[in-house]
N, C-alpha and C. Protein backbone atom coordinates (compact mmCIF):
# COMPACT_ATOMS: atom_id res chain seq x y z
N MET A 1 0.86 -1.19 0.00
CA MET A 1 0.00 0.00 0.00
C MET A 1 0.89 1.24 0.00
N SER A 2 0.76 2.03 -1.01
CA SER A 2 1.59 3.22 -1.15
C SER A 2 1.07 4.36 -0.29
N GLY A 3 1.99 5.12 0.28
CA GLY A 3 1.60 6.31 1.03
C GLY A 3 1.58 7.53 0.13
N ILE A 4 1.88 7.32 -1.15
CA ILE A 4 1.89 8.40 -2.12
C ILE A 4 0.47 8.61 -2.63
N THR A 5 0.06 9.86 -2.76
CA THR A 5 -1.24 10.18 -3.35
C THR A 5 -1.04 10.41 -4.84
N TYR A 6 -1.83 9.74 -5.66
CA TYR A 6 -1.74 9.90 -7.11
C TYR A 6 -2.96 10.67 -7.60
N VAL A 7 -2.73 11.68 -8.41
CA VAL A 7 -3.83 12.47 -8.96
C VAL A 7 -3.56 12.78 -10.44
N ARG A 8 -4.61 13.11 -11.16
CA ARG A 8 -4.46 13.61 -12.52
C ARG A 8 -4.38 15.12 -12.42
N GLY A 9 -3.47 15.72 -13.15
CA GLY A 9 -3.39 17.16 -13.12
C GLY A 9 -1.98 17.66 -13.35
N ASP A 10 -1.80 18.92 -13.04
CA ASP A 10 -0.55 19.64 -13.29
C ASP A 10 0.21 19.81 -11.97
N ALA A 11 1.39 19.22 -11.89
CA ALA A 11 2.19 19.29 -10.66
C ALA A 11 2.65 20.71 -10.34
N THR A 12 2.55 21.63 -11.30
CA THR A 12 2.95 23.02 -11.01
C THR A 12 1.81 23.80 -10.35
N VAL A 13 0.65 23.16 -10.19
CA VAL A 13 -0.50 23.83 -9.57
C VAL A 13 -1.08 22.95 -8.46
N PRO A 14 -0.30 22.72 -7.39
CA PRO A 14 -0.82 21.89 -6.30
C PRO A 14 -1.96 22.62 -5.58
N SER A 15 -3.08 21.92 -5.40
CA SER A 15 -4.25 22.57 -4.82
C SER A 15 -4.41 22.21 -3.35
N VAL A 16 -3.35 22.42 -2.58
CA VAL A 16 -3.42 22.19 -1.14
C VAL A 16 -2.94 23.45 -0.44
N LYS A 17 -3.33 23.58 0.81
CA LYS A 17 -2.88 24.73 1.60
C LYS A 17 -1.50 24.46 2.17
N GLY A 18 -0.84 25.52 2.61
CA GLY A 18 0.44 25.36 3.26
C GLY A 18 1.62 25.47 2.30
N VAL A 19 2.79 25.20 2.85
CA VAL A 19 4.02 25.30 2.07
C VAL A 19 4.15 24.06 1.18
N LYS A 20 4.55 24.30 -0.07
CA LYS A 20 4.65 23.22 -1.05
C LYS A 20 6.02 23.26 -1.72
N VAL A 21 6.60 22.07 -1.96
CA VAL A 21 7.82 21.96 -2.76
C VAL A 21 7.47 21.14 -3.99
N ILE A 22 7.72 21.71 -5.16
CA ILE A 22 7.52 21.01 -6.42
C ILE A 22 8.88 20.45 -6.83
N ALA A 23 8.98 19.13 -6.85
CA ALA A 23 10.27 18.48 -7.11
C ALA A 23 10.28 17.88 -8.52
N HIS A 24 11.43 18.01 -9.18
CA HIS A 24 11.59 17.40 -10.50
C HIS A 24 13.05 17.08 -10.72
N VAL A 25 13.31 16.26 -11.72
CA VAL A 25 14.67 15.82 -12.02
C VAL A 25 15.23 16.61 -13.20
N CYS A 26 16.47 17.06 -13.04
CA CYS A 26 17.21 17.77 -14.08
C CYS A 26 18.41 16.92 -14.50
N ASN A 27 19.01 17.29 -15.62
CA ASN A 27 20.21 16.60 -16.07
C ASN A 27 21.46 17.29 -15.52
N ASP A 28 22.60 16.65 -15.73
CA ASP A 28 23.86 17.16 -15.18
C ASP A 28 24.71 17.91 -16.22
N ILE A 29 24.08 18.31 -17.35
CA ILE A 29 24.85 19.01 -18.39
C ILE A 29 24.34 20.41 -18.67
N GLY A 30 23.42 20.89 -17.84
CA GLY A 30 22.94 22.26 -18.00
C GLY A 30 21.81 22.44 -18.98
N GLY A 31 21.26 21.35 -19.48
CA GLY A 31 20.16 21.44 -20.45
C GLY A 31 18.82 21.63 -19.76
N TRP A 32 18.06 22.61 -20.24
CA TRP A 32 16.71 22.88 -19.72
C TRP A 32 15.89 23.29 -20.92
N GLY A 33 14.91 22.49 -21.31
CA GLY A 33 14.14 22.88 -22.49
C GLY A 33 13.19 21.82 -23.00
N LYS A 34 13.14 20.66 -22.34
CA LYS A 34 12.19 19.61 -22.75
C LYS A 34 11.60 18.99 -21.50
N GLY A 35 10.40 18.47 -21.66
CA GLY A 35 9.77 17.75 -20.56
C GLY A 35 9.13 18.68 -19.53
N PHE A 36 9.10 18.23 -18.28
CA PHE A 36 8.41 18.93 -17.20
C PHE A 36 8.94 20.34 -16.96
N VAL A 37 10.23 20.57 -17.26
CA VAL A 37 10.78 21.92 -17.02
C VAL A 37 10.05 22.98 -17.82
N LEU A 38 9.47 22.60 -18.94
CA LEU A 38 8.71 23.58 -19.74
C LEU A 38 7.49 24.07 -18.97
N ALA A 39 6.83 23.17 -18.25
CA ALA A 39 5.67 23.56 -17.44
C ALA A 39 6.11 24.49 -16.31
N ILE A 40 7.26 24.21 -15.72
CA ILE A 40 7.79 25.07 -14.66
C ILE A 40 8.10 26.46 -15.22
N SER A 41 8.80 26.49 -16.35
CA SER A 41 9.18 27.78 -16.95
C SER A 41 7.99 28.61 -17.41
N ARG A 42 6.90 27.94 -17.78
CA ARG A 42 5.69 28.69 -18.16
C ARG A 42 5.11 29.44 -16.96
N ARG A 43 5.31 28.91 -15.76
CA ARG A 43 4.76 29.54 -14.55
C ARG A 43 5.72 30.51 -13.87
N TRP A 44 7.00 30.15 -13.85
CA TRP A 44 7.99 30.97 -13.13
C TRP A 44 9.31 30.98 -13.88
N PRO A 45 9.95 32.13 -14.04
CA PRO A 45 11.26 32.17 -14.69
C PRO A 45 12.41 31.79 -13.75
N GLU A 46 12.22 31.92 -12.46
CA GLU A 46 13.32 31.76 -11.49
C GLU A 46 13.99 30.38 -11.48
N PRO A 47 13.23 29.26 -11.52
CA PRO A 47 13.92 27.96 -11.45
C PRO A 47 14.90 27.73 -12.61
N GLU A 48 14.50 28.10 -13.82
CA GLU A 48 15.39 27.93 -14.97
C GLU A 48 16.62 28.83 -14.84
N ALA A 49 16.40 30.09 -14.48
CA ALA A 49 17.53 31.02 -14.34
C ALA A 49 18.49 30.54 -13.26
N ALA A 50 17.94 30.06 -12.13
CA ALA A 50 18.78 29.58 -11.03
C ALA A 50 19.56 28.33 -11.45
N TYR A 51 18.88 27.40 -12.16
CA TYR A 51 19.54 26.17 -12.62
C TYR A 51 20.68 26.50 -13.58
N ARG A 52 20.42 27.41 -14.52
CA ARG A 52 21.46 27.76 -15.50
C ARG A 52 22.65 28.43 -14.81
N ALA A 53 22.39 29.30 -13.85
CA ALA A 53 23.48 29.97 -13.11
C ALA A 53 24.25 28.94 -12.27
N TRP A 54 23.52 28.00 -11.66
CA TRP A 54 24.13 26.94 -10.86
C TRP A 54 25.07 26.11 -11.73
N HIS A 55 24.59 25.76 -12.94
CA HIS A 55 25.42 24.99 -13.87
C HIS A 55 26.64 25.79 -14.32
N ARG A 56 26.43 27.07 -14.68
CA ARG A 56 27.55 27.92 -15.12
C ARG A 56 28.63 28.02 -14.05
N GLY A 57 28.22 28.10 -12.79
CA GLY A 57 29.17 28.25 -11.68
C GLY A 57 29.61 26.94 -11.07
N ARG A 58 29.40 25.83 -11.77
CA ARG A 58 29.62 24.50 -11.19
C ARG A 58 31.04 24.25 -10.70
N ALA A 59 32.01 24.98 -11.24
CA ALA A 59 33.39 24.79 -10.77
C ALA A 59 33.52 25.19 -9.30
N GLY A 60 32.63 26.07 -8.85
CA GLY A 60 32.73 26.55 -7.47
C GLY A 60 31.54 26.23 -6.60
N ASN A 61 30.69 25.28 -7.02
CA ASN A 61 29.54 24.94 -6.18
C ASN A 61 29.30 23.44 -6.21
N ASP A 62 28.14 23.01 -5.70
CA ASP A 62 27.86 21.58 -5.55
C ASP A 62 27.10 20.96 -6.73
N PHE A 63 26.98 21.69 -7.86
CA PHE A 63 26.24 21.17 -9.01
C PHE A 63 26.80 19.80 -9.42
N GLY A 64 25.93 18.82 -9.52
CA GLY A 64 26.34 17.48 -9.93
C GLY A 64 25.29 16.47 -9.53
N LEU A 65 25.46 15.24 -9.95
CA LEU A 65 24.48 14.20 -9.64
C LEU A 65 24.21 14.12 -8.14
N GLY A 66 22.92 14.10 -7.80
CA GLY A 66 22.50 14.00 -6.40
C GLY A 66 22.29 15.33 -5.70
N ALA A 67 22.75 16.42 -6.32
CA ALA A 67 22.59 17.74 -5.69
C ALA A 67 21.17 18.27 -5.91
N VAL A 68 20.75 19.17 -5.02
CA VAL A 68 19.42 19.78 -5.12
C VAL A 68 19.56 21.27 -4.92
N GLN A 69 18.85 22.02 -5.74
CA GLN A 69 18.80 23.47 -5.62
C GLN A 69 17.34 23.83 -5.31
N PHE A 70 17.13 24.58 -4.23
CA PHE A 70 15.78 24.99 -3.85
C PHE A 70 15.57 26.44 -4.25
N VAL A 71 14.52 26.69 -5.03
CA VAL A 71 14.24 28.03 -5.55
C VAL A 71 12.84 28.44 -5.10
N GLN A 72 12.76 29.53 -4.34
CA GLN A 72 11.45 29.99 -3.89
C GLN A 72 10.81 30.79 -5.02
N VAL A 73 9.59 30.40 -5.41
CA VAL A 73 8.92 31.04 -6.54
C VAL A 73 7.66 31.81 -6.13
N GLU A 74 7.13 31.48 -4.98
CA GLU A 74 5.99 32.20 -4.41
C GLU A 74 6.17 32.14 -2.90
N ARG A 75 5.34 32.87 -2.19
CA ARG A 75 5.49 32.92 -0.73
C ARG A 75 5.52 31.52 -0.11
N HIS A 76 4.65 30.63 -0.59
CA HIS A 76 4.55 29.28 0.00
C HIS A 76 4.90 28.18 -1.00
N VAL A 77 5.61 28.53 -2.07
CA VAL A 77 5.94 27.52 -3.08
C VAL A 77 7.43 27.57 -3.42
N TRP A 78 8.05 26.40 -3.37
CA TRP A 78 9.46 26.23 -3.73
C TRP A 78 9.54 25.23 -4.87
N VAL A 79 10.56 25.35 -5.69
CA VAL A 79 10.85 24.34 -6.72
C VAL A 79 12.19 23.71 -6.36
N ALA A 80 12.23 22.39 -6.37
CA ALA A 80 13.47 21.65 -6.10
C ALA A 80 14.02 21.12 -7.42
N ASN A 81 15.13 21.72 -7.88
CA ASN A 81 15.84 21.25 -9.06
C ASN A 81 16.78 20.14 -8.60
N MET A 82 16.44 18.89 -8.88
CA MET A 82 17.23 17.74 -8.41
C MET A 82 18.01 17.15 -9.58
N ILE A 83 19.33 17.07 -9.44
CA ILE A 83 20.15 16.51 -10.51
C ILE A 83 20.12 14.99 -10.40
N GLY A 84 19.36 14.37 -11.29
CA GLY A 84 19.16 12.92 -11.22
C GLY A 84 19.31 12.20 -12.54
N GLN A 85 19.88 12.87 -13.53
CA GLN A 85 20.15 12.16 -14.77
C GLN A 85 21.48 12.61 -15.37
N ARG A 86 22.19 11.64 -15.95
CA ARG A 86 23.48 11.88 -16.59
C ARG A 86 23.20 12.15 -18.07
N GLY A 87 23.44 13.39 -18.50
CA GLY A 87 23.18 13.73 -19.90
C GLY A 87 21.70 13.72 -20.21
N THR A 88 21.39 13.66 -21.51
CA THR A 88 19.99 13.74 -21.93
C THR A 88 19.57 12.64 -22.90
N LYS A 89 20.51 11.89 -23.41
CA LYS A 89 20.17 10.91 -24.45
C LYS A 89 20.43 9.47 -23.99
N THR A 90 19.58 8.57 -24.47
CA THR A 90 19.81 7.16 -24.25
C THR A 90 20.88 6.74 -25.26
N GLY A 91 21.88 6.04 -24.78
CA GLY A 91 22.96 5.63 -25.67
C GLY A 91 23.62 4.37 -25.18
N SER A 92 24.91 4.24 -25.44
CA SER A 92 25.65 3.03 -25.09
C SER A 92 25.68 2.78 -23.59
N LYS A 93 25.54 3.83 -22.80
CA LYS A 93 25.56 3.68 -21.34
C LYS A 93 24.13 3.53 -20.79
N GLY A 94 23.16 3.33 -21.67
CA GLY A 94 21.78 3.14 -21.23
C GLY A 94 21.02 4.46 -21.12
N VAL A 95 19.94 4.42 -20.34
CA VAL A 95 19.10 5.60 -20.18
C VAL A 95 19.78 6.62 -19.26
N PRO A 96 19.41 7.90 -19.37
CA PRO A 96 20.07 8.94 -18.57
C PRO A 96 19.79 8.90 -17.06
N VAL A 97 18.66 8.31 -16.64
CA VAL A 97 18.32 8.33 -15.22
C VAL A 97 19.44 7.71 -14.38
N ARG A 98 19.65 8.28 -13.18
CA ARG A 98 20.61 7.73 -12.22
C ARG A 98 19.86 7.61 -10.89
N TYR A 99 19.45 6.38 -10.59
CA TYR A 99 18.63 6.15 -9.40
C TYR A 99 19.34 6.54 -8.11
N GLU A 100 20.66 6.29 -8.05
CA GLU A 100 21.40 6.64 -6.84
C GLU A 100 21.37 8.16 -6.63
N ALA A 101 21.47 8.91 -7.71
CA ALA A 101 21.44 10.37 -7.62
C ALA A 101 20.06 10.86 -7.18
N ILE A 102 19.02 10.22 -7.70
CA ILE A 102 17.66 10.59 -7.28
C ILE A 102 17.49 10.29 -5.80
N ASP A 103 18.00 9.15 -5.35
CA ASP A 103 17.90 8.77 -3.94
C ASP A 103 18.60 9.82 -3.06
N THR A 104 19.80 10.21 -3.44
CA THR A 104 20.55 11.23 -2.69
C THR A 104 19.79 12.56 -2.67
N ALA A 105 19.24 12.94 -3.82
CA ALA A 105 18.49 14.19 -3.92
C ALA A 105 17.22 14.14 -3.07
N LEU A 106 16.55 12.98 -3.04
CA LEU A 106 15.34 12.84 -2.23
C LEU A 106 15.66 12.97 -0.74
N GLU A 107 16.83 12.53 -0.35
CA GLU A 107 17.27 12.68 1.05
C GLU A 107 17.34 14.17 1.41
N ALA A 108 17.96 14.95 0.54
CA ALA A 108 18.05 16.40 0.77
C ALA A 108 16.67 17.06 0.71
N LEU A 109 15.84 16.58 -0.20
CA LEU A 109 14.47 17.10 -0.33
C LEU A 109 13.70 16.84 0.96
N ALA A 110 13.83 15.64 1.51
CA ALA A 110 13.13 15.29 2.76
C ALA A 110 13.55 16.22 3.89
N ALA A 111 14.85 16.48 3.98
CA ALA A 111 15.34 17.36 5.05
C ALA A 111 14.75 18.76 4.90
N ARG A 112 14.78 19.29 3.68
CA ARG A 112 14.28 20.66 3.47
C ARG A 112 12.76 20.74 3.65
N ALA A 113 12.05 19.75 3.12
CA ALA A 113 10.59 19.74 3.28
C ALA A 113 10.23 19.66 4.76
N GLY A 114 10.99 18.88 5.52
CA GLY A 114 10.77 18.79 6.96
C GLY A 114 10.98 20.13 7.64
N GLU A 115 12.06 20.83 7.30
CA GLU A 115 12.34 22.16 7.87
C GLU A 115 11.22 23.14 7.56
N LEU A 116 10.71 23.07 6.32
CA LEU A 116 9.68 24.01 5.87
C LEU A 116 8.28 23.60 6.31
N GLY A 117 8.12 22.36 6.76
CA GLY A 117 6.79 21.84 7.06
C GLY A 117 5.97 21.73 5.78
N ALA A 118 6.64 21.34 4.70
CA ALA A 118 6.02 21.36 3.37
C ALA A 118 5.51 20.00 2.92
N THR A 119 4.55 20.06 2.01
CA THR A 119 4.14 18.87 1.26
C THR A 119 4.97 18.88 -0.03
N VAL A 120 5.12 17.70 -0.64
CA VAL A 120 5.93 17.57 -1.85
C VAL A 120 5.04 17.14 -3.01
N HIS A 121 5.27 17.78 -4.16
CA HIS A 121 4.46 17.55 -5.37
C HIS A 121 5.40 17.32 -6.53
N MET A 122 5.08 16.34 -7.38
CA MET A 122 6.00 16.01 -8.48
C MET A 122 5.29 15.22 -9.56
N PRO A 123 5.86 15.27 -10.77
CA PRO A 123 5.44 14.31 -11.79
C PRO A 123 6.12 12.97 -11.44
N ARG A 124 6.04 11.99 -12.30
CA ARG A 124 6.75 10.72 -12.05
C ARG A 124 8.23 10.96 -12.39
N ILE A 125 8.93 11.52 -11.41
CA ILE A 125 10.32 11.94 -11.61
C ILE A 125 11.21 10.82 -12.14
N GLY A 126 12.07 11.20 -13.08
CA GLY A 126 13.03 10.26 -13.64
C GLY A 126 12.45 9.29 -14.65
N CYS A 127 11.15 9.40 -14.94
CA CYS A 127 10.49 8.41 -15.79
C CYS A 127 10.04 8.96 -17.14
N GLY A 128 10.29 10.23 -17.38
CA GLY A 128 9.96 10.79 -18.69
C GLY A 128 11.17 10.70 -19.59
N LEU A 129 11.74 11.86 -19.90
CA LEU A 129 12.91 11.91 -20.77
C LEU A 129 14.11 11.17 -20.19
N ALA A 130 14.18 11.05 -18.86
CA ALA A 130 15.32 10.36 -18.24
C ALA A 130 15.27 8.85 -18.46
N GLY A 131 14.08 8.34 -18.83
CA GLY A 131 13.97 6.93 -19.20
C GLY A 131 13.88 5.94 -18.07
N GLY A 132 13.64 6.42 -16.85
CA GLY A 132 13.59 5.52 -15.71
C GLY A 132 12.28 4.76 -15.58
N LYS A 133 12.28 3.80 -14.67
CA LYS A 133 11.09 3.00 -14.39
C LYS A 133 10.51 3.42 -13.04
N TRP A 134 9.20 3.67 -13.02
CA TRP A 134 8.54 4.08 -11.78
C TRP A 134 8.68 3.02 -10.70
N SER A 135 8.75 1.77 -11.09
CA SER A 135 8.90 0.69 -10.11
C SER A 135 10.23 0.79 -9.35
N ARG A 136 11.19 1.53 -9.89
CA ARG A 136 12.47 1.77 -9.20
C ARG A 136 12.45 3.08 -8.42
N VAL A 137 11.70 4.07 -8.91
CA VAL A 137 11.68 5.39 -8.26
C VAL A 137 10.73 5.43 -7.07
N GLU A 138 9.56 4.83 -7.23
CA GLU A 138 8.54 4.87 -6.18
C GLU A 138 9.05 4.41 -4.81
N PRO A 139 9.80 3.29 -4.73
CA PRO A 139 10.30 2.86 -3.41
C PRO A 139 11.27 3.88 -2.79
N LEU A 140 12.00 4.61 -3.62
CA LEU A 140 12.92 5.64 -3.09
C LEU A 140 12.12 6.76 -2.43
N ILE A 141 11.02 7.15 -3.06
CA ILE A 141 10.15 8.20 -2.50
C ILE A 141 9.52 7.70 -1.19
N GLU A 142 9.08 6.45 -1.21
CA GLU A 142 8.48 5.85 0.00
C GLU A 142 9.50 5.89 1.15
N GLU A 143 10.72 5.46 0.85
CA GLU A 143 11.77 5.37 1.87
C GLU A 143 12.20 6.74 2.39
N ARG A 144 12.46 7.67 1.50
CA ARG A 144 13.03 8.97 1.88
C ARG A 144 12.01 9.97 2.40
N LEU A 145 10.81 9.96 1.86
CA LEU A 145 9.81 10.98 2.21
C LEU A 145 8.63 10.44 3.02
N ILE A 146 7.94 9.46 2.48
CA ILE A 146 6.73 8.94 3.13
C ILE A 146 7.03 8.42 4.54
N ARG A 147 8.10 7.66 4.67
CA ARG A 147 8.46 7.11 5.99
C ARG A 147 8.74 8.19 7.02
N ARG A 148 9.09 9.38 6.57
CA ARG A 148 9.34 10.50 7.48
C ARG A 148 8.10 11.33 7.72
N GLY A 149 6.99 10.88 7.16
CA GLY A 149 5.73 11.60 7.38
C GLY A 149 5.55 12.80 6.47
N ILE A 150 6.32 12.89 5.40
CA ILE A 150 6.18 14.01 4.46
C ILE A 150 5.18 13.60 3.38
N PRO A 151 4.05 14.31 3.28
CA PRO A 151 3.05 13.97 2.28
C PRO A 151 3.58 14.24 0.86
N VAL A 152 3.37 13.25 -0.01
CA VAL A 152 3.82 13.36 -1.40
C VAL A 152 2.63 13.12 -2.33
N THR A 153 2.47 14.02 -3.30
CA THR A 153 1.45 13.84 -4.34
C THR A 153 2.17 13.74 -5.67
N VAL A 154 1.84 12.69 -6.43
CA VAL A 154 2.41 12.49 -7.76
C VAL A 154 1.30 12.77 -8.78
N TYR A 155 1.65 13.59 -9.76
CA TYR A 155 0.69 14.05 -10.76
C TYR A 155 0.92 13.36 -12.10
N ASP A 156 -0.15 12.80 -12.63
CA ASP A 156 -0.13 12.26 -13.99
C ASP A 156 -0.88 13.27 -14.84
N HIS A 157 -0.22 13.78 -15.85
CA HIS A 157 -0.81 14.81 -16.69
C HIS A 157 -1.77 14.18 -17.70
N GLY A 158 -2.76 14.92 -18.11
CA GLY A 158 -3.68 14.45 -19.15
C GLY A 158 -4.99 13.95 -18.60
N ASP A 159 -5.77 13.32 -19.46
CA ASP A 159 -7.13 12.93 -19.10
C ASP A 159 -7.19 11.63 -18.34
């Protein structure tokens, strides 16, 4: 029995009260322009600008697999840019998703959500362009967030 709430809708528009963190997976090469990030950029310019600056300054910061950048976009809404995929293309090394990096990022997300008293909202992270399997990601969310009492809602877009 999953402690995750599944709904149809747009993860960028969580309809709950209180502090919310919208979490998604980014790549480790500075690319932002396909997938869920487009929905984020349509609503707020800050997460993309922050991610690009984070990538540009990577020689002097923590940008890399498993890292998380928290960007406040509204009084009670944060976006968590989680680095959980290597590159953007499926190739000889397989799909871009990196489950270990997502797990590490979820650990940091749990800590921050706990500090903020926030609920967490996300698409099926790592399972779109990153090519991951939800059967591998879901247990990580259960372990890192649900077990700590942090409510998580996963959004499936469309009808």
